[in-house]
């Protein structure tokens, strides 16, 4: 959807939002000192895999590079996925100052003007990051796939690796489109589509809702937009999902680890969504599973956008579930359609370090370290609290930007699509700017376009509210 700044406002700052939510600020001195020492003296593995021509693929400008990838065809058919994950455990001493601070932070937090990292820059943007042309310790996954993309063999071990290039999503997408992608990732579309086909065969749910993000506006200040993933991002995500599924299988076979689980959708939620589909012009063929219907949509029409908004109810209840002995009653992540574990982002997410450490030990036929086992029961609560903070920060930043953009425009009418509606209010999304907000009014038509009149834009409270203006024209604003 198009975006634009409507008026020039006083400078918008996000430090008050971070202070209100108690987002961590600077690292303590002792944490920085320990990180510097660790960066200079990591625990290095003996196995050398620097001959594998890996590359990283991340958003433009990233410095905290968790993964490096190489894809190759196997003799006789199939593929080999080589996936190197930053070995943060090679730098972080269990129980030390960096470890303690990471458990307090749990994940990297993102604001439009500032990144609040999980680890000090000496590690997260330096010695542990898989930066190009640097020899780094890593957890190297080698996953062999058959010609249909199914897993044929898995090997995971510590290794020295060296990335050959730092690629970004827009650049790699352009290279793939023109047929000039570098050899390590030239097969990414093929492997990604095969893995996507397998996901759809098991009725996995891919909820492709445009991401609302805050970014700098032309001429200064900030704006909001809805961003859709490029195909290369989805293909790259399939490699990460593949690795997480292999990790979960190792953990379940060994009877130790930490799964990322999601319960099956409640039958009443599925039934309600099925009743809504024809109202919003969404085809739900007889016998189709929810994931089949959802994964076929991209939200390009108002009806689809509203349907996907409601479909999010099927993906609630994600949790971290420890495995210690017998498997849990339901080990699945039902959106993925498989058991799944987080192991691919240890620079930015605490739990992945422990997951990687578990898999390395299990893969070598050894015992999982005591410090890992001791943490497994504690990590779910830590990650849940961290996830709650990350979600609150993301929402507060968007709310603040929306209110800032619209201040002074009270009374103006905007074309909007109704996403959901209750008795006397609902949620709308504007054509421009990319604002998603409450709209009061009875009988709001879900999945249809209306004129929404701005009733309130309060920067202090970060509140934007519209009212339904049924007699106003719904042509896009100039």
Protein backbone atom coordinates (compact mmCIF):
# COMPACT_ATOMS: atom_id res chain seq x y z
CA UNK A 1 0.00 0.00 0.00
CA UNK A 2 1.30 3.55 -0.69
CA UNK A 3 2.64 5.65 2.15
CA UNK A 4 3.08 9.35 2.66
CA UNK A 5 3.70 11.85 5.41
CA UNK A 6 0.64 14.01 5.83
CA UNK A 7 2.02 16.89 7.88
CA UNK A 8 5.33 18.05 9.28
CA UNK A 9 5.34 17.38 13.02
CA UNK A 10 7.78 17.98 15.83
CA UNK A 11 10.57 15.38 15.88
CA UNK A 12 9.35 11.92 16.83
CA UNK A 13 11.57 10.07 19.28
CA UNK A 14 11.29 6.53 20.56
CA UNK A 15 13.48 6.76 23.66
CA UNK A 16 10.43 7.54 25.82
CA UNK A 17 8.76 4.36 24.57
CA UNK A 18 11.83 2.32 25.46
CA UNK A 19 12.06 3.91 28.91
CA UNK A 20 8.37 3.28 29.58
CA UNK A 21 8.74 -0.42 28.67
CA UNK A 22 12.03 -0.78 30.56
CA UNK A 23 13.95 -1.85 27.46
CA UNK A 24 17.57 -2.54 28.44
CA UNK A 25 19.93 0.32 27.71
CA UNK A 26 23.73 0.09 27.80
CA UNK A 27 25.51 -3.12 28.72
CA UNK A 28 27.09 -3.16 32.19
CA UNK A 29 30.83 -2.54 32.23
CA UNK A 30 31.64 -6.07 33.38
CA UNK A 31 29.62 -7.54 30.49
CA UNK A 32 31.47 -5.45 27.92
CA UNK A 33 34.81 -6.37 29.45
CA UNK A 34 34.05 -10.09 29.45
CA UNK A 35 32.83 -9.88 25.85
CA UNK A 36 36.05 -8.22 24.73
CA UNK A 37 38.10 -10.94 26.44
CA UNK A 38 35.99 -13.70 24.90
CA UNK A 39 36.23 -12.15 21.44
CA UNK A 40 40.00 -12.36 21.67
CA UNK A 41 40.11 -15.98 22.85
CA UNK A 42 37.23 -18.11 21.55
CA UNK A 43 37.08 -21.89 21.94
CA UNK A 44 37.83 -23.08 18.41
CA UNK A 45 36.86 -26.46 16.93
CA UNK A 46 39.35 -28.80 15.30
CA UNK A 47 37.23 -29.57 12.25
CA UNK A 48 37.99 -27.25 9.32
CA UNK A 49 35.19 -26.56 6.83
CA UNK A 50 36.55 -23.31 5.44
CA UNK A 51 36.61 -24.91 1.98
CA UNK A 52 32.79 -24.73 1.81
CA UNK A 53 31.98 -21.48 -0.08
CA UNK A 54 29.24 -20.22 2.22
CA UNK A 55 27.44 -16.88 1.89
CA UNK A 56 25.15 -14.98 4.24
CA UNK A 57 21.73 -13.62 3.26
CA UNK A 58 20.21 -10.94 5.48
CA UNK A 59 18.42 -7.57 5.39
CA UNK A 60 20.61 -4.76 4.01
CA UNK A 61 23.15 -3.39 6.46
CA UNK A 62 23.00 -6.27 8.94
CA UNK A 63 26.06 -6.92 11.08
CA UNK A 64 24.75 -9.64 13.41
CA UNK A 65 24.99 -12.50 10.92
CA UNK A 66 23.71 -15.76 12.40
CA UNK A 67 23.62 -18.02 9.33
CA UNK A 68 25.66 -18.79 6.25
CA UNK A 69 24.42 -21.04 3.46
CA UNK A 70 25.64 -23.22 0.61
CA UNK A 71 23.42 -25.36 -1.62
CA UNK A 72 24.70 -28.02 -3.98
CA UNK A 73 23.28 -30.77 -6.16
CA UNK A 74 24.11 -34.30 -4.98
CA UNK A 75 25.45 -36.90 -7.42
CA UNK A 76 22.58 -39.11 -8.41
CA UNK A 77 19.93 -36.54 -7.49
CA UNK A 78 18.88 -34.47 -4.54
CA UNK A 79 20.64 -31.66 -2.74
CA UNK A 80 23.06 -30.95 0.07
CA UNK A 81 22.24 -28.03 2.34
CA UNK A 82 25.26 -26.74 4.26
CA UNK A 83 24.05 -24.32 6.90
CA UNK A 84 26.51 -22.74 9.29
CA UNK A 85 25.12 -21.19 12.47
CA UNK A 86 27.18 -18.77 14.56
CA UNK A 87 28.66 -20.67 17.51
CA UNK A 88 27.88 -18.18 20.27
CA UNK A 89 28.69 -20.81 22.90
CA UNK A 90 32.33 -20.64 21.77
CA UNK A 91 32.42 -17.14 23.30
CA UNK A 92 29.93 -17.20 26.18
CA UNK A 93 30.98 -18.75 29.49
CA UNK A 94 28.05 -20.45 31.25
CA UNK A 95 27.19 -18.48 34.36
CA UNK A 96 29.45 -15.58 33.35
CA UNK A 97 28.53 -11.93 32.98
CA UNK A 98 27.60 -12.18 29.27
CA UNK A 99 25.46 -15.26 29.88
CA UNK A 100 23.67 -13.62 32.81
CA UNK A 101 22.93 -10.46 30.82
CA UNK A 102 21.73 -12.49 27.83
CA UNK A 103 19.27 -14.35 30.05
CA UNK A 104 17.96 -10.99 31.22
CA UNK A 105 17.53 -9.67 27.65
CA UNK A 106 16.52 -12.96 25.92
CA UNK A 107 16.49 -11.45 22.41
CA UNK A 108 17.52 -8.53 20.26
CA UNK A 109 14.91 -5.76 20.27
CA UNK A 110 14.29 -3.46 17.34
CA UNK A 111 13.23 0.19 17.26
CA UNK A 112 13.29 2.32 14.10
CA UNK A 113 16.19 4.38 15.44
CA UNK A 114 18.03 1.83 17.56
CA UNK A 115 18.76 -1.88 17.84
CA UNK A 116 19.01 -3.22 21.39
CA UNK A 117 21.20 -6.31 20.97
CA UNK A 118 21.18 -9.54 22.92
CA UNK A 119 24.98 -9.66 23.01
CA UNK A 120 27.61 -6.90 23.19
CA UNK A 121 28.78 -5.64 19.78
CA UNK A 122 32.23 -7.16 20.28
CA UNK A 123 30.52 -10.53 19.90
CA UNK A 124 27.21 -10.01 18.09
CA UNK A 125 28.60 -7.67 15.42
CA UNK A 126 32.20 -8.83 15.65
CA UNK A 127 33.86 -12.05 16.68
CA UNK A 128 30.77 -14.31 16.66
CA UNK A 129 29.14 -12.84 13.53
CA UNK A 130 29.66 -14.73 10.26
CA UNK A 131 31.08 -11.70 8.50
CA UNK A 132 32.62 -12.20 5.04
CA UNK A 133 36.23 -13.33 4.68
CA UNK A 134 36.57 -14.08 8.40
CA UNK A 135 37.29 -17.52 9.86
CA UNK A 136 34.66 -18.19 12.49
CA UNK A 137 33.60 -21.04 14.79
CA UNK A 138 30.17 -22.33 13.79
CA UNK A 139 27.69 -25.13 14.26
CA UNK A 140 27.64 -26.65 10.79
CA UNK A 141 24.55 -28.53 9.64
CA UNK A 142 24.84 -30.76 6.58
CA UNK A 143 21.40 -31.87 5.51
CA UNK A 144 21.03 -34.13 2.50
CA UNK A 145 17.71 -33.97 0.67
CA UNK A 146 16.26 -36.41 -1.83
CA UNK A 147 15.08 -35.20 -5.26
CA UNK A 148 11.68 -34.29 -3.77
CA UNK A 149 13.27 -32.19 -1.02
CA UNK A 150 12.69 -34.65 1.83
CA UNK A 151 15.42 -35.20 4.43
CA UNK A 152 17.70 -38.13 3.63
CA UNK A 153 20.54 -37.61 6.14
CA UNK A 154 21.63 -35.12 8.80
CA UNK A 155 25.05 -34.30 10.25
CA UNK A 156 25.73 -31.55 12.77
CA UNK A 157 29.08 -30.65 14.30
CA UNK A 158 31.29 -27.75 15.29
CA UNK A 159 33.48 -26.43 12.50
CA UNK A 160 35.59 -23.53 11.37
CA UNK A 161 33.90 -21.76 8.46
CA UNK A 162 34.49 -18.75 6.25
CA UNK A 163 31.75 -16.84 4.48
CA UNK A 164 32.68 -15.66 1.00
CA UNK A 165 30.13 -12.84 0.65
CA UNK A 166 27.47 -10.90 2.51
CA UNK A 167 24.31 -10.84 0.39
CA UNK A 168 21.09 -9.01 1.10
CA UNK A 169 17.52 -9.91 0.17
CA UNK A 170 16.86 -7.25 -2.50
CA UNK A 171 20.18 -7.83 -4.20
CA UNK A 172 19.88 -11.61 -4.17
CA UNK A 173 16.29 -11.46 -5.44
CA UNK A 174 17.43 -9.33 -8.37
CA UNK A 175 20.29 -11.72 -9.08
CA UNK A 176 18.00 -14.76 -8.96
CA UNK A 177 15.51 -13.03 -11.26
CA UNK A 178 18.25 -12.27 -13.80
CA UNK A 179 19.96 -15.66 -13.53
CA UNK A 180 23.17 -14.21 -12.10
CA UNK A 181 22.96 -15.48 -8.50
CA UNK A 182 26.26 -16.77 -7.07
CA UNK A 183 26.76 -20.54 -7.05
CA UNK A 184 26.22 -21.08 -3.29
CA UNK A 185 22.60 -19.89 -3.51
CA UNK A 186 21.70 -20.44 -7.17
CA UNK A 187 19.61 -23.46 -6.13
CA UNK A 188 17.71 -21.58 -3.42
CA UNK A 189 14.51 -21.18 -5.49
CA UNK A 190 14.49 -24.89 -6.36
CA UNK A 191 15.12 -26.08 -2.81
CA UNK A 192 12.79 -23.47 -1.35
CA UNK A 193 9.91 -24.45 -3.64
CA UNK A 194 10.42 -28.17 -2.96
CA UNK A 195 10.31 -27.56 0.78
CA UNK A 196 7.25 -25.33 0.33
CA UNK A 197 5.49 -28.10 -1.62
CA UNK A 198 6.22 -30.58 1.19
CA UNK A 199 4.89 -28.08 3.73
CA UNK A 200 1.66 -27.74 1.79
CA UNK A 201 1.36 -31.51 1.47
CA UNK A 202 1.30 -31.75 5.26
CA UNK A 203 -1.19 -28.82 5.43
CA UNK A 204 1.27 -26.42 7.07
CA UNK A 205 -0.06 -22.91 7.58
CA UNK A 206 1.80 -20.04 5.93
CA UNK A 207 0.03 -16.88 7.06
CA UNK A 208 1.32 -14.21 4.68
CA UNK A 209 0.11 -10.99 6.27
CA UNK A 210 1.99 -7.83 5.22
CA UNK A 211 4.27 -6.60 8.00
CA UNK A 212 3.62 -3.11 9.31
CA UNK A 213 6.93 -1.34 9.81
CA UNK A 214 8.23 2.10 10.71
CA UNK A 215 10.97 3.56 8.53
CA UNK A 216 12.54 6.94 7.76
CA UNK A 217 10.47 9.20 5.54
CA UNK A 218 11.78 11.26 2.69
CA UNK A 219 12.76 14.69 3.96
CA UNK A 220 13.10 13.50 7.55
CA UNK A 221 10.88 12.03 10.22
CA UNK A 222 9.17 8.66 10.05
CA UNK A 223 6.39 6.91 8.22
CA UNK A 224 4.70 3.52 8.27
CA UNK A 225 4.24 1.03 5.47
CA UNK A 226 3.09 -2.52 4.89
CA UNK A 227 5.87 -4.68 3.54
CA UNK A 228 5.43 -8.02 1.85
CA UNK A 229 8.14 -10.63 1.86
CA UNK A 230 10.07 -11.19 -1.32
CA UNK A 231 10.22 -14.76 -2.64
CA UNK A 232 13.88 -15.03 -1.62
CA UNK A 233 12.92 -14.38 1.99
CA UNK A 234 10.37 -17.20 1.93
CA UNK A 235 12.85 -19.59 0.33
CA UNK A 236 15.51 -18.68 2.87
CA UNK A 237 13.00 -19.19 5.68
CA UNK A 238 12.36 -22.70 4.38
CA UNK A 239 16.04 -23.54 4.95
CA UNK A 240 15.76 -22.27 8.53
CA UNK A 241 12.56 -24.27 9.08
CA UNK A 242 14.25 -27.35 7.64
CA UNK A 243 17.11 -27.00 10.10
CA UNK A 244 14.77 -26.41 13.02
CA UNK A 245 12.79 -29.53 12.10
CA UNK A 246 16.00 -31.60 11.94
CA UNK A 247 17.03 -30.22 15.34
CA UNK A 248 13.69 -31.16 16.87
CA UNK A 249 13.96 -34.69 15.50
CA UNK A 250 17.41 -35.07 17.09
CA UNK A 251 16.07 -33.80 20.41
CA UNK A 252 13.06 -36.12 20.40
CA UNK A 253 15.18 -39.15 19.46
CA UNK A 254 17.62 -38.35 22.28
CA UNK A 255 14.90 -37.46 24.80
CA UNK A 256 16.38 -34.08 25.64
CA UNK A 257 15.96 -30.56 24.28
CA UNK A 258 13.57 -27.66 23.94
CA UNK A 259 10.87 -27.63 21.26
CA UNK A 260 8.94 -24.71 19.83
CA UNK A 261 5.36 -25.97 19.87
CA UNK A 262 1.98 -24.71 18.71
CA UNK A 263 -1.28 -26.48 19.57
CA UNK A 264 -3.73 -27.62 16.93
CA UNK A 265 -6.42 -25.03 16.14
CA UNK A 266 -9.58 -25.26 18.20
CA UNK A 267 -12.41 -26.82 16.17
CA UNK A 268 -14.73 -23.92 17.00
CA UNK A 269 -12.19 -21.41 15.64
CA UNK A 270 -11.86 -23.40 12.41
CA UNK A 271 -15.64 -23.59 12.10
CA UNK A 272 -16.00 -19.84 12.59
CA UNK A 273 -13.33 -19.15 9.97
CA UNK A 274 -14.99 -21.54 7.55
CA UNK A 275 -18.31 -19.69 7.94
CA UNK A 276 -16.56 -16.37 7.31
CA UNK A 277 -14.81 -17.49 4.10
CA UNK A 278 -17.73 -17.15 1.65
CA UNK A 279 -18.74 -13.82 3.18
CA UNK A 280 -15.28 -12.46 2.31
CA UNK A 281 -15.07 -14.08 -1.11
CA UNK A 282 -12.55 -16.73 -0.04
CA UNK A 283 -12.90 -20.18 -1.59
CA UNK A 284 -12.76 -23.07 0.91
CA UNK A 285 -13.01 -26.31 -1.09
CA UNK A 286 -14.66 -29.32 0.47
CA UNK A 287 -12.15 -31.35 2.47
CA UNK A 288 -9.50 -28.62 2.49
CA UNK A 289 -7.60 -28.05 5.73
CA UNK A 290 -7.26 -24.52 7.14
CA UNK A 291 -3.59 -24.41 6.16
CA UNK A 292 -4.47 -25.23 2.55
CA UNK A 293 -6.85 -22.28 2.34
CA UNK A 294 -4.67 -19.79 4.22
CA UNK A 295 -1.47 -20.62 2.35
CA UNK A 296 -3.18 -19.96 -0.98
CA UNK A 297 -3.94 -16.33 -0.07
CA UNK A 298 -1.74 -13.25 -0.17
CA UNK A 299 -4.12 -10.62 1.21
CA UNK A 300 -4.23 -8.76 -2.11
CA UNK A 301 -7.99 -8.09 -1.92
CA UNK A 302 -9.89 -6.50 0.98
CA UNK A 303 -11.73 -9.75 1.60
CA UNK A 304 -8.53 -11.78 1.73
CA UNK A 305 -6.90 -9.22 4.03
CA UNK A 306 -9.82 -9.45 6.45
CA UNK A 307 -9.86 -13.26 6.26
CA UNK A 308 -6.14 -13.49 7.07
CA UNK A 309 -6.65 -11.10 9.98
CA UNK A 310 -9.19 -13.52 11.44
CA UNK A 311 -7.07 -16.57 10.56
CA UNK A 312 -4.39 -15.45 13.02
CA UNK A 313 -6.53 -16.93 15.81
CA UNK A 314 -5.48 -20.38 14.59
CA UNK A 315 -1.82 -19.61 15.34
CA UNK A 316 -2.15 -18.65 19.00
CA UNK A 317 -0.59 -20.52 21.87
CA UNK A 318 3.01 -20.96 20.71
CA UNK A 319 5.26 -22.14 23.55
CA UNK A 320 8.67 -23.56 24.37
CA UNK A 321 8.28 -27.15 25.58
CA UNK A 322 11.19 -28.92 27.32
CA UNK A 323 11.95 -32.54 26.48
CA UNK A 324 13.51 -34.60 29.26
CA UNK A 325 12.92 -38.30 28.79
CA UNK A 326 9.50 -39.09 27.36
CA UNK A 327 8.30 -36.80 24.56
CA UNK A 328 5.52 -34.31 25.31
CA UNK A 329 1.95 -35.39 24.60
CA UNK A 330 1.90 -33.18 21.50
CA UNK A 331 5.39 -32.34 20.21
CA UNK A 332 4.20 -30.61 17.03
CA UNK A 333 4.30 -27.04 15.90
CA UNK A 334 0.99 -27.33 14.06
CA UNK A 335 1.63 -24.37 11.78
CA UNK A 336 4.86 -26.01 10.60
CA UNK A 337 3.23 -29.44 10.61
CA UNK A 338 6.28 -31.03 12.24
CA UNK A 339 8.21 -30.98 15.51
CA UNK A 340 10.34 -27.85 15.40
CA UNK A 341 13.06 -26.16 17.50
CA UNK A 342 14.82 -22.80 17.46
CA UNK A 343 18.51 -23.22 16.65
CA UNK A 344 19.30 -20.84 13.77
CA UNK A 345 19.54 -17.37 15.38
CA UNK A 346 21.78 -17.60 18.48
CA UNK A 347 23.20 -14.07 18.12
CA UNK A 348 19.70 -12.59 18.31
CA UNK A 349 17.76 -15.13 20.40
CA UNK A 350 18.87 -16.70 23.68
CA UNK A 351 17.22 -20.12 23.35
CA UNK A 352 19.05 -21.00 20.13
CA UNK A 353 22.42 -21.25 21.87
CA UNK A 354 21.06 -23.98 24.12
CA UNK A 355 19.34 -25.73 21.22
CA UNK A 356 22.52 -25.77 19.14
CA UNK A 357 24.52 -27.06 22.07
CA UNK A 358 22.03 -29.89 22.57
CA UNK A 359 22.17 -30.91 18.92
CA UNK A 360 25.97 -30.84 18.74
CA UNK A 361 26.18 -33.13 21.77
CA UNK A 362 23.50 -35.51 20.49
CA UNK A 363 24.98 -35.52 17.00
CA UNK A 364 28.34 -36.58 18.42
CA UNK A 365 26.76 -39.31 20.53
CA UNK A 366 27.78 -37.56 23.75
CA UNK A 367 26.04 -36.15 26.77
CA UNK A 368 24.30 -32.81 26.74
CA UNK A 369 26.29 -30.42 29.00
CA UNK A 370 24.95 -29.97 32.51
CA UNK A 371 24.62 -26.19 32.05
CA UNK A 372 22.30 -26.80 29.11
CA UNK A 373 20.14 -29.36 30.91
CA UNK A 374 19.88 -27.11 33.95
CA UNK A 375 18.61 -24.23 31.81
CA UNK A 376 15.96 -26.11 29.83
CA UNK A 377 13.19 -25.81 32.46
CA UNK A 378 13.96 -22.09 32.97
CA UNK A 379 14.13 -20.98 29.34
CA UNK A 380 10.39 -21.08 28.49
CA UNK A 381 9.50 -18.44 31.11
CA UNK A 382 12.48 -16.28 30.11
CA UNK A 383 11.62 -16.43 26.42
CA UNK A 384 7.93 -15.80 27.04
CA UNK A 385 8.72 -12.65 29.01
CA UNK A 386 11.18 -11.50 26.36
CA UNK A 387 8.69 -12.14 23.58
CA UNK A 388 6.05 -10.15 25.44
CA UNK A 389 8.43 -7.19 25.69
CA UNK A 390 9.39 -7.43 22.00
CA UNK A 391 5.73 -7.43 20.99
CA UNK A 392 4.90 -4.50 23.25
CA UNK A 393 7.82 -2.48 21.85
CA UNK A 394 6.87 -3.21 18.26
CA UNK A 395 3.24 -2.20 18.84
CA UNK A 396 4.14 0.93 20.83
CA UNK A 397 6.55 2.14 18.15
CA UNK A 398 3.93 1.72 15.42
CA UNK A 399 1.23 3.34 17.57
CA UNK A 400 3.48 6.32 18.30
CA UNK A 401 4.28 6.78 14.62
CA UNK A 402 0.65 6.50 13.54
CA UNK A 403 -0.44 9.12 16.08
CA UNK A 404 2.45 11.41 15.06
CA UNK A 405 1.60 11.10 11.37
CA UNK A 406 -2.08 11.89 11.85
CA UNK A 407 -1.92 14.63 14.47
CA UNK A 408 -3.73 17.70 13.16
CA UNK A 409 -5.76 15.72 10.63
CA UNK A 410 -8.80 15.20 12.89
CA UNK A 411 -12.00 15.31 10.85
CA UNK A 412 -10.35 14.16 7.65
CA UNK A 413 -11.76 11.13 5.85
CA UNK A 414 -9.63 8.28 4.55
CA UNK A 415 -10.41 5.25 2.37
CA UNK A 416 -10.04 2.15 4.52
CA UNK A 417 -10.76 -1.58 4.59
CA UNK A 418 -12.62 -3.13 7.53
CA UNK A 419 -10.61 -6.05 8.92
CA UNK A 420 -12.91 -7.07 11.77
CA UNK A 421 -15.99 -5.75 13.51
CA UNK A 422 -17.92 -6.18 16.73
CA UNK A 423 -21.17 -4.67 17.92
CA UNK A 424 -20.13 -1.02 17.78
CA UNK A 425 -16.48 -0.93 16.69
CA UNK A 426 -13.88 -2.75 14.66
CA UNK A 427 -10.45 -2.49 13.07
CA UNK A 428 -9.66 -0.74 9.81
CA UNK A 429 -6.54 -0.33 7.72
CA UNK A 430 -6.10 2.84 5.67
CA UNK A 431 -4.99 2.92 2.06
CA UNK A 432 -2.50 5.66 2.97
CA UNK A 433 -0.71 6.14 5.24
CA UNK A 434 -0.39 2.47 6.27
CA UNK A 435 -2.30 2.88 9.53
CA UNK A 436 -4.21 0.11 11.28
CA UNK A 437 -6.55 1.40 13.98
CA UNK A 438 -9.86 1.18 15.82
CA UNK A 439 -12.97 2.48 14.07
CA UNK A 440 -16.24 3.03 15.93
CA UNK A 441 -19.60 2.48 14.31
CA UNK A 442 -22.34 -0.10 14.18
CA UNK A 443 -22.56 -2.59 11.34
CA UNK A 444 -19.07 -2.15 9.96
CA UNK A 445 -18.87 -4.29 6.78
CA UNK A 446 -15.98 -6.73 7.24
CA UNK A 447 -13.84 -7.09 4.14
CA UNK A 448 -15.30 -4.02 2.45
CA UNK A 449 -14.01 -0.53 1.76
CA UNK A 450 -15.40 2.39 3.77
CA UNK A 451 -14.64 6.03 4.46
CA UNK A 452 -13.10 6.38 7.92
CA UNK A 453 -13.15 9.80 9.56
CA UNK A 454 -10.26 10.54 11.94
CA UNK A 455 -11.76 11.26 15.36
CA UNK A 456 -8.62 11.26 17.51
CA UNK A 457 -4.83 11.23 17.13
CA UNK A 458 -3.20 11.52 20.56
CA UNK A 459 0.59 11.37 20.54
CA UNK A 460 0.93 11.27 24.33
CA UNK A 461 -1.36 8.26 24.65
CA UNK A 462 -0.31 6.76 21.30
CA UNK A 463 -3.97 6.42 20.31
CA UNK A 464 -5.57 6.75 16.88
CA UNK A 465 -9.33 6.32 16.47
CA UNK A 466 -11.65 6.64 13.50
CA UNK A 467 -15.40 6.71 13.05
CA UNK A 468 -17.37 5.34 10.14
CA UNK A 469 -18.40 8.04 7.68
CA UNK A 470 -20.94 6.10 5.56
CA UNK A 471 -21.94 9.04 3.37
CA UNK A 472 -18.37 10.06 2.43
CA UNK A 473 -16.73 9.07 -0.87
CA UNK A 474 -14.17 6.27 -0.70
CA UNK A 475 -11.83 7.34 -3.49
CA UNK A 476 -8.14 7.35 -2.49
CA UNK A 477 -6.92 10.60 -0.94
CA UNK A 478 -4.80 12.75 -3.24
